[in-house]
């Protein structure tokens, strides 16, 4: 069966596991790590794969995943030093804003609050038992006691 092109795909995992065409951009990981800037701004026109590239980064770094098999055969795996040091070694918070497309400013703010709240709940395990974050945690809960259960 011939490989197919999956248009509009944002999931690195789906493309790799589905054996779709994938233009290997994994050396972007190396480039990102070698760039010593404090901030990286990724600007591209619509439909140029920004979300897909960020999703790829998520799979590479995320400590909650075992994604070595996804990267097998891709260019980044030739850089053993990077793979050993970074593959699945860090907590990753992934927040995509592309679906915040509301009709009013207030609705957009509420949608953003929902997204951040969802992320907060998802990564609560990082805060639990960590005294460094107790103040921030209680401040967040105190501001929104009716919406967030801990």
N, C-alpha and C. Protein backbone atom coordinates (compact mmCIF):
# COMPACT_ATOMS: atom_id res chain seq x y z
N UNK A 1 0.84 -1.19 0.00
CA UNK A 1 0.00 0.00 0.00
C UNK A 1 0.88 1.25 0.00
N UNK A 2 0.54 2.20 -0.84
CA UNK A 2 1.30 3.43 -0.93
C UNK A 2 1.03 4.32 0.27
N UNK A 3 2.06 5.08 0.66
CA UNK A 3 1.87 6.05 1.73
C UNK A 3 0.93 7.15 1.24
N UNK A 4 0.15 7.66 2.17
CA UNK A 4 -0.78 8.74 1.82
C UNK A 4 -0.36 10.02 2.52
N UNK A 5 -0.86 11.12 2.01
CA UNK A 5 -0.64 12.41 2.62
C UNK A 5 -1.83 12.70 3.53
N UNK A 6 -1.55 12.99 4.77
CA UNK A 6 -2.59 13.32 5.73
C UNK A 6 -2.63 14.83 5.87
N UNK A 7 -3.62 15.47 5.28
CA UNK A 7 -3.68 16.92 5.31
C UNK A 7 -4.34 17.40 6.59
N UNK A 8 -3.87 18.54 7.07
CA UNK A 8 -4.45 19.16 8.26
C UNK A 8 -4.10 18.44 9.55
N UNK A 9 -3.16 17.53 9.51
CA UNK A 9 -2.81 16.76 10.70
C UNK A 9 -1.94 17.59 11.63
N UNK A 10 -2.24 17.49 12.91
CA UNK A 10 -1.47 18.20 13.93
C UNK A 10 -0.78 17.22 14.87
N UNK A 11 -1.10 15.95 14.75
CA UNK A 11 -0.58 14.95 15.67
C UNK A 11 0.61 14.21 15.06
N UNK A 12 1.77 14.46 15.62
CA UNK A 12 2.99 13.78 15.19
C UNK A 12 2.81 12.27 15.33
N UNK A 13 2.25 11.85 16.43
CA UNK A 13 2.04 10.43 16.70
C UNK A 13 1.15 9.79 15.63
N UNK A 14 0.08 10.45 15.28
CA UNK A 14 -0.85 9.89 14.28
C UNK A 14 -0.18 9.75 12.92
N UNK A 15 0.61 10.73 12.54
CA UNK A 15 1.29 10.67 11.24
C UNK A 15 2.31 9.53 11.21
N UNK A 16 3.11 9.42 12.26
CA UNK A 16 4.15 8.39 12.29
C UNK A 16 3.53 7.00 12.40
N UNK A 17 2.63 6.82 13.34
CA UNK A 17 2.04 5.50 13.53
C UNK A 17 1.12 5.09 12.39
N UNK A 18 0.54 6.08 11.71
CA UNK A 18 -0.32 5.79 10.57
C UNK A 18 0.45 5.58 9.29
N UNK A 19 1.78 5.72 9.36
CA UNK A 19 2.65 5.52 8.21
C UNK A 19 2.28 6.44 7.04
N UNK A 20 1.97 7.69 7.40
CA UNK A 20 1.70 8.71 6.38
C UNK A 20 3.02 9.35 5.97
N UNK A 21 3.00 10.08 4.87
CA UNK A 21 4.17 10.85 4.48
C UNK A 21 4.50 11.83 5.59
N UNK A 22 5.77 11.91 5.93
CA UNK A 22 6.23 12.88 6.93
C UNK A 22 7.57 13.44 6.46
N UNK A 23 7.63 14.73 6.28
CA UNK A 23 8.89 15.39 5.95
C UNK A 23 9.62 15.58 7.27
N UNK A 24 10.74 14.91 7.41
CA UNK A 24 11.47 14.86 8.67
C UNK A 24 12.00 16.24 9.07
N UNK A 25 11.39 16.79 10.09
CA UNK A 25 11.81 18.08 10.62
C UNK A 25 12.36 17.93 12.04
N UNK A 26 12.77 16.71 12.38
CA UNK A 26 13.22 16.47 13.75
C UNK A 26 14.54 17.16 14.08
N UNK A 27 15.31 17.56 13.08
CA UNK A 27 16.53 18.31 13.38
C UNK A 27 16.21 19.70 13.93
N UNK A 28 14.96 20.09 13.86
CA UNK A 28 14.52 21.32 14.51
C UNK A 28 14.77 21.22 16.02
N UNK A 29 14.68 20.02 16.57
CA UNK A 29 14.96 19.80 17.99
C UNK A 29 16.40 20.18 18.29
N UNK A 30 17.32 19.71 17.48
CA UNK A 30 18.75 20.03 17.64
C UNK A 30 18.98 21.53 17.51
N UNK A 31 18.37 22.11 16.49
CA UNK A 31 18.52 23.55 16.26
C UNK A 31 18.01 24.35 17.46
N UNK A 32 16.88 23.93 17.98
CA UNK A 32 16.29 24.62 19.14
C UNK A 32 17.20 24.51 20.36
N UNK A 33 17.78 23.35 20.58
CA UNK A 33 18.66 23.14 21.73
C UNK A 33 19.97 23.91 21.59
N UNK A 34 20.45 24.05 20.38
CA UNK A 34 21.71 24.77 20.16
C UNK A 34 21.55 26.27 20.19
N UNK A 35 20.34 26.76 19.95
CA UNK A 35 20.07 28.19 19.98
C UNK A 35 20.05 28.63 21.44
N UNK A 36 20.91 29.53 21.79
CA UNK A 36 21.03 29.95 23.19
C UNK A 36 20.17 31.16 23.54
N UNK A 37 19.23 31.50 22.67
CA UNK A 37 18.35 32.62 22.96
C UNK A 37 17.41 32.31 24.11
N UNK A 38 16.96 33.31 24.82
CA UNK A 38 16.05 33.12 25.94
C UNK A 38 14.65 32.76 25.47
N UNK A 39 14.30 33.20 24.27
CA UNK A 39 12.97 32.98 23.72
C UNK A 39 13.10 32.57 22.27
N UNK A 40 12.23 31.68 21.85
CA UNK A 40 12.19 31.30 20.43
C UNK A 40 10.82 31.66 19.89
N UNK A 41 10.79 32.47 18.89
CA UNK A 41 9.54 32.86 18.25
C UNK A 41 9.46 32.14 16.91
N UNK A 42 8.40 31.36 16.76
CA UNK A 42 8.22 30.59 15.53
C UNK A 42 7.10 31.24 14.73
N UNK A 43 7.47 31.88 13.65
CA UNK A 43 6.47 32.53 12.80
C UNK A 43 6.45 31.84 11.46
N UNK A 44 5.29 31.47 11.05
CA UNK A 44 5.05 30.87 9.74
C UNK A 44 3.63 31.24 9.33
N UNK A 45 3.36 31.23 8.04
CA UNK A 45 1.98 31.47 7.60
C UNK A 45 1.06 30.33 8.05
N UNK A 46 -0.21 30.56 7.92
CA UNK A 46 -1.18 29.49 8.22
C UNK A 46 -0.86 28.25 7.41
N UNK A 47 -1.12 27.11 8.03
CA UNK A 47 -1.01 25.81 7.37
C UNK A 47 0.44 25.42 7.04
N UNK A 48 1.41 25.97 7.77
CA UNK A 48 2.81 25.64 7.54
C UNK A 48 3.38 24.71 8.60
N UNK A 49 2.53 24.09 9.41
CA UNK A 49 2.98 23.06 10.32
C UNK A 49 3.49 23.51 11.67
N UNK A 50 3.10 24.70 12.12
CA UNK A 50 3.57 25.17 13.44
C UNK A 50 3.10 24.24 14.54
N UNK A 51 1.83 23.90 14.55
CA UNK A 51 1.29 23.04 15.60
C UNK A 51 1.88 21.64 15.51
N UNK A 52 2.06 21.14 14.31
CA UNK A 52 2.66 19.82 14.14
C UNK A 52 4.10 19.80 14.68
N UNK A 53 4.88 20.84 14.39
CA UNK A 53 6.25 20.90 14.91
C UNK A 53 6.26 20.99 16.43
N UNK A 54 5.37 21.77 16.99
CA UNK A 54 5.32 21.87 18.45
C UNK A 54 4.86 20.55 19.07
N UNK A 55 3.96 19.87 18.38
CA UNK A 55 3.51 18.56 18.84
C UNK A 55 4.67 17.56 18.81
N UNK A 56 5.51 17.65 17.78
CA UNK A 56 6.69 16.80 17.69
C UNK A 56 7.62 17.07 18.87
N UNK A 57 7.84 18.34 19.19
CA UNK A 57 8.67 18.69 20.34
C UNK A 57 8.09 18.12 21.63
N UNK A 58 6.81 18.20 21.75
CA UNK A 58 6.12 17.65 22.92
C UNK A 58 6.42 16.16 23.07
N UNK A 59 6.28 15.40 22.00
CA UNK A 59 6.55 13.97 22.06
C UNK A 59 8.01 13.67 22.36
N UNK A 60 8.90 14.52 21.90
CA UNK A 60 10.32 14.28 22.13
C UNK A 60 10.70 14.53 23.59
N UNK A 61 10.24 15.61 24.16
CA UNK A 61 10.70 15.99 25.50
C UNK A 61 9.86 15.42 26.64
N UNK A 62 8.59 15.14 26.43
CA UNK A 62 7.65 14.86 27.51
C UNK A 62 8.01 13.61 28.32
N UNK A 63 8.23 13.83 29.61
CA UNK A 63 8.60 12.77 30.54
C UNK A 63 7.47 11.76 30.75
N UNK A 64 6.25 12.14 30.46
CA UNK A 64 5.10 11.25 30.63
C UNK A 64 4.86 10.34 29.43
N UNK A 65 5.77 10.34 28.50
CA UNK A 65 5.63 9.51 27.30
C UNK A 65 6.88 8.65 27.12
N UNK A 66 6.69 7.59 26.40
CA UNK A 66 7.81 6.76 25.95
C UNK A 66 7.73 6.77 24.44
N UNK A 67 8.38 7.74 23.84
CA UNK A 67 8.16 7.98 22.42
C UNK A 67 9.37 7.64 21.56
N UNK A 68 10.28 6.86 22.08
CA UNK A 68 11.47 6.50 21.30
C UNK A 68 11.08 5.85 19.97
N UNK A 69 10.11 4.97 19.99
CA UNK A 69 9.69 4.27 18.77
C UNK A 69 9.18 5.23 17.70
N UNK A 70 8.57 6.33 18.12
CA UNK A 70 8.07 7.31 17.15
C UNK A 70 9.20 7.96 16.36
N UNK A 71 10.36 8.10 17.01
CA UNK A 71 11.47 8.81 16.40
C UNK A 71 12.47 7.87 15.70
N UNK A 72 12.28 6.56 15.86
CA UNK A 72 13.18 5.61 15.19
C UNK A 72 13.18 5.86 13.69
N UNK A 73 14.38 5.95 13.14
CA UNK A 73 14.53 6.17 11.70
C UNK A 73 14.52 7.63 11.29
N UNK A 74 14.27 8.53 12.23
CA UNK A 74 14.25 9.96 11.91
C UNK A 74 15.61 10.57 12.23
N UNK A 75 15.91 11.70 11.63
CA UNK A 75 17.24 12.33 11.69
C UNK A 75 17.73 12.59 13.12
N UNK A 76 16.87 12.96 14.02
CA UNK A 76 17.31 13.32 15.37
C UNK A 76 17.96 12.14 16.07
N UNK A 77 17.58 10.92 15.70
CA UNK A 77 18.13 9.73 16.36
C UNK A 77 19.60 9.51 16.01
N UNK A 78 20.10 10.20 15.01
CA UNK A 78 21.53 10.12 14.67
C UNK A 78 22.37 10.89 15.68
N UNK A 79 21.74 11.71 16.48
CA UNK A 79 22.43 12.54 17.47
C UNK A 79 22.21 11.92 18.86
N UNK A 80 22.99 10.89 19.12
CA UNK A 80 22.83 10.08 20.35
C UNK A 80 22.94 10.93 21.61
N UNK A 81 23.82 11.91 21.61
CA UNK A 81 24.01 12.75 22.79
C UNK A 81 22.71 13.51 23.14
N UNK A 82 22.05 14.01 22.13
CA UNK A 82 20.79 14.74 22.35
C UNK A 82 19.70 13.77 22.80
N UNK A 83 19.61 12.63 22.15
CA UNK A 83 18.59 11.64 22.49
C UNK A 83 18.75 11.19 23.94
N UNK A 84 19.97 10.84 24.33
CA UNK A 84 20.22 10.37 25.70
C UNK A 84 19.90 11.43 26.74
N UNK A 85 20.22 12.66 26.43
CA UNK A 85 20.05 13.74 27.42
C UNK A 85 18.62 14.28 27.49
N UNK A 86 17.89 14.28 26.37
CA UNK A 86 16.62 15.00 26.32
C UNK A 86 15.37 14.17 26.06
N UNK A 87 15.50 13.02 25.40
CA UNK A 87 14.30 12.27 25.01
C UNK A 87 13.51 11.84 26.24
N UNK A 88 12.28 12.33 26.32
CA UNK A 88 11.34 12.00 27.39
C UNK A 88 11.91 12.27 28.79
N UNK A 89 12.53 13.43 28.95
CA UNK A 89 13.16 13.77 30.22
C UNK A 89 12.56 14.97 30.94
N UNK A 90 11.59 15.64 30.35
CA UNK A 90 11.09 16.89 30.93
C UNK A 90 9.57 16.95 30.94
N UNK A 91 9.01 17.59 31.97
CA UNK A 91 7.57 17.85 31.92
C UNK A 91 7.30 18.89 30.82
N UNK A 92 6.27 18.64 30.04
CA UNK A 92 5.95 19.53 28.93
C UNK A 92 4.51 20.01 29.10
N UNK A 93 4.35 21.31 29.06
CA UNK A 93 3.01 21.89 29.09
C UNK A 93 2.72 22.38 27.67
N UNK A 94 1.71 21.81 27.08
CA UNK A 94 1.38 22.10 25.68
C UNK A 94 0.05 22.83 25.64
N UNK A 95 0.07 24.05 25.18
CA UNK A 95 -1.13 24.87 25.12
C UNK A 95 -1.28 25.43 23.71
N UNK A 96 -2.29 24.96 23.01
CA UNK A 96 -2.57 25.46 21.66
C UNK A 96 -3.72 26.45 21.75
N UNK A 97 -3.52 27.61 21.17
CA UNK A 97 -4.54 28.66 21.22
C UNK A 97 -5.36 28.74 19.94
N UNK A 98 -5.11 27.84 19.01
CA UNK A 98 -5.75 27.95 17.71
C UNK A 98 -7.27 27.77 17.77
N UNK A 99 -7.78 27.13 18.81
CA UNK A 99 -9.23 26.93 18.91
C UNK A 99 -9.93 27.99 19.76
N UNK A 100 -9.17 29.00 20.18
CA UNK A 100 -9.79 30.12 20.89
C UNK A 100 -10.22 31.12 19.83
N UNK A 101 -11.40 30.90 19.31
CA UNK A 101 -11.93 31.71 18.23
C UNK A 101 -13.34 32.12 18.61
N UNK A 102 -13.43 32.98 19.58
CA UNK A 102 -14.73 33.36 20.13
C UNK A 102 -15.22 34.66 19.51
N UNK A 103 -16.52 34.91 19.66
CA UNK A 103 -17.12 36.09 19.04
C UNK A 103 -16.93 37.37 19.84
N UNK A 104 -16.60 37.26 21.12
CA UNK A 104 -16.37 38.46 21.92
C UNK A 104 -15.08 38.30 22.73
N UNK A 105 -14.54 39.41 23.14
CA UNK A 105 -13.34 39.42 23.96
C UNK A 105 -13.57 38.65 25.25
N UNK A 106 -14.71 38.89 25.88
CA UNK A 106 -15.03 38.24 27.15
C UNK A 106 -15.12 36.71 26.99
N UNK A 107 -15.74 36.26 25.90
CA UNK A 107 -15.82 34.82 25.64
C UNK A 107 -14.44 34.22 25.39
N UNK A 108 -13.58 34.97 24.70
CA UNK A 108 -12.22 34.50 24.45
C UNK A 108 -11.45 34.37 25.76
N UNK A 109 -11.61 35.34 26.64
CA UNK A 109 -10.95 35.28 27.96
C UNK A 109 -11.44 34.07 28.73
N UNK A 110 -12.74 33.82 28.70
CA UNK A 110 -13.30 32.65 29.41
C UNK A 110 -12.76 31.35 28.83
N UNK A 111 -12.65 31.28 27.52
CA UNK A 111 -12.10 30.08 26.87
C UNK A 111 -10.65 29.87 27.29
N UNK A 112 -9.87 30.96 27.34
CA UNK A 112 -8.49 30.86 27.80
C UNK A 112 -8.42 30.38 29.24
N UNK A 113 -9.31 30.88 30.07
CA UNK A 113 -9.36 30.43 31.47
C UNK A 113 -9.62 28.93 31.55
N UNK A 114 -10.56 28.46 30.73
CA UNK A 114 -10.87 27.03 30.72
C UNK A 114 -9.66 26.20 30.29
N UNK A 115 -8.94 26.67 29.27
CA UNK A 115 -7.75 25.96 28.80
C UNK A 115 -6.68 25.90 29.89
N UNK A 116 -6.41 27.04 30.52
CA UNK A 116 -5.38 27.08 31.57
C UNK A 116 -5.81 26.23 32.76
N UNK A 117 -7.08 26.28 33.11
CA UNK A 117 -7.60 25.47 34.21
C UNK A 117 -7.42 23.99 33.92
N UNK A 118 -7.71 23.60 32.70
CA UNK A 118 -7.56 22.20 32.30
C UNK A 118 -6.10 21.76 32.41
N UNK A 119 -5.20 22.61 31.95
CA UNK A 119 -3.77 22.31 32.06
C UNK A 119 -3.35 22.22 33.52
N UNK A 120 -3.85 23.14 34.32
CA UNK A 120 -3.51 23.16 35.74
C UNK A 120 -3.89 21.83 36.39
N UNK A 121 -5.08 21.36 36.09
CA UNK A 121 -5.53 20.07 36.64
C UNK A 121 -4.67 18.92 36.13
N UNK A 122 -4.33 18.97 34.85
CA UNK A 122 -3.55 17.91 34.23
C UNK A 122 -2.16 17.78 34.86
N UNK A 123 -1.58 18.90 35.27
CA UNK A 123 -0.22 18.89 35.80
C UNK A 123 -0.17 19.15 37.30
N UNK A 124 -1.26 18.94 37.96
CA UNK A 124 -1.34 19.15 39.40
C UNK A 124 -0.35 18.28 40.16
N UNK A 125 -0.06 17.10 39.61
CA UNK A 125 0.88 16.19 40.26
C UNK A 125 2.25 16.85 40.49
N UNK A 126 2.63 17.78 39.65
CA UNK A 126 3.92 18.46 39.80
C UNK A 126 3.91 19.33 41.06
N UNK A 127 2.76 19.92 41.35
CA UNK A 127 2.65 20.80 42.51
C UNK A 127 2.50 20.06 43.82
N UNK A 128 1.86 18.92 43.78
CA UNK A 128 1.55 18.21 45.02
C UNK A 128 2.83 17.81 45.74
N UNK A 129 2.89 18.22 47.00
CA UNK A 129 4.05 17.89 47.82
C UNK A 129 5.27 18.74 47.54
N UNK A 130 5.14 19.77 46.71
CA UNK A 130 6.27 20.63 46.39
C UNK A 130 6.07 21.97 47.09
N UNK A 131 6.78 22.23 48.19
CA UNK A 131 6.56 23.45 48.95
C UNK A 131 6.87 24.73 48.17
N UNK A 132 7.66 24.62 47.11
CA UNK A 132 7.98 25.80 46.31
C UNK A 132 6.74 26.38 45.63
N UNK A 133 5.73 25.54 45.39
CA UNK A 133 4.57 25.98 44.64
C UNK A 133 3.31 26.15 45.49
N UNK A 134 3.39 25.90 46.79
CA UNK A 134 2.19 25.97 47.63
C UNK A 134 1.53 27.34 47.59
N UNK A 135 2.31 28.40 47.61
CA UNK A 135 1.75 29.76 47.58
C UNK A 135 0.99 30.02 46.27
N UNK A 136 1.59 29.66 45.14
CA UNK A 136 0.95 29.85 43.84
C UNK A 136 -0.31 28.99 43.73
N UNK A 137 -0.21 27.77 44.22
CA UNK A 137 -1.34 26.84 44.18
C UNK A 137 -2.53 27.40 44.95
N UNK A 138 -2.30 27.83 46.17
CA UNK A 138 -3.42 28.34 46.98
C UNK A 138 -3.96 29.64 46.40
N UNK A 139 -3.11 30.45 45.82
CA UNK A 139 -3.57 31.70 45.21
C UNK A 139 -4.49 31.40 44.02
N UNK A 140 -4.16 30.41 43.22
CA UNK A 140 -4.98 30.03 42.07
C UNK A 140 -6.33 29.49 42.54
N UNK A 141 -6.32 28.60 43.51
CA UNK A 141 -7.56 28.01 44.02
C UNK A 141 -8.41 29.05 44.71
N UNK A 142 -7.80 29.95 45.49
CA UNK A 142 -8.56 30.98 46.20
C UNK A 142 -9.29 31.92 45.25
N UNK A 143 -8.73 32.16 44.09
CA UNK A 143 -9.37 33.06 43.11
C UNK A 143 -10.55 32.40 42.41
N UNK A 144 -10.57 31.08 42.34
CA UNK A 144 -11.59 30.37 41.59
C UNK A 144 -12.13 29.17 42.39
N UNK A 145 -12.59 29.37 43.60
CA UNK A 145 -12.96 28.22 44.44
C UNK A 145 -14.14 27.42 43.91
N UNK A 146 -15.02 28.04 43.16
CA UNK A 146 -16.21 27.32 42.67
C UNK A 146 -15.92 26.46 41.44
N UNK A 147 -14.78 26.65 40.79
CA UNK A 147 -14.51 25.95 39.55
C UNK A 147 -13.50 24.82 39.67
N UNK A 148 -12.69 24.83 40.70
CA UNK A 148 -11.56 23.91 40.73
C UNK A 148 -11.56 23.07 41.98
N UNK A 149 -11.60 21.77 41.74
CA UNK A 149 -11.47 20.83 42.85
C UNK A 149 -10.06 20.29 42.83
N UNK A 150 -9.52 20.13 44.01
CA UNK A 150 -8.15 19.62 44.10
C UNK A 150 -8.20 18.29 44.81
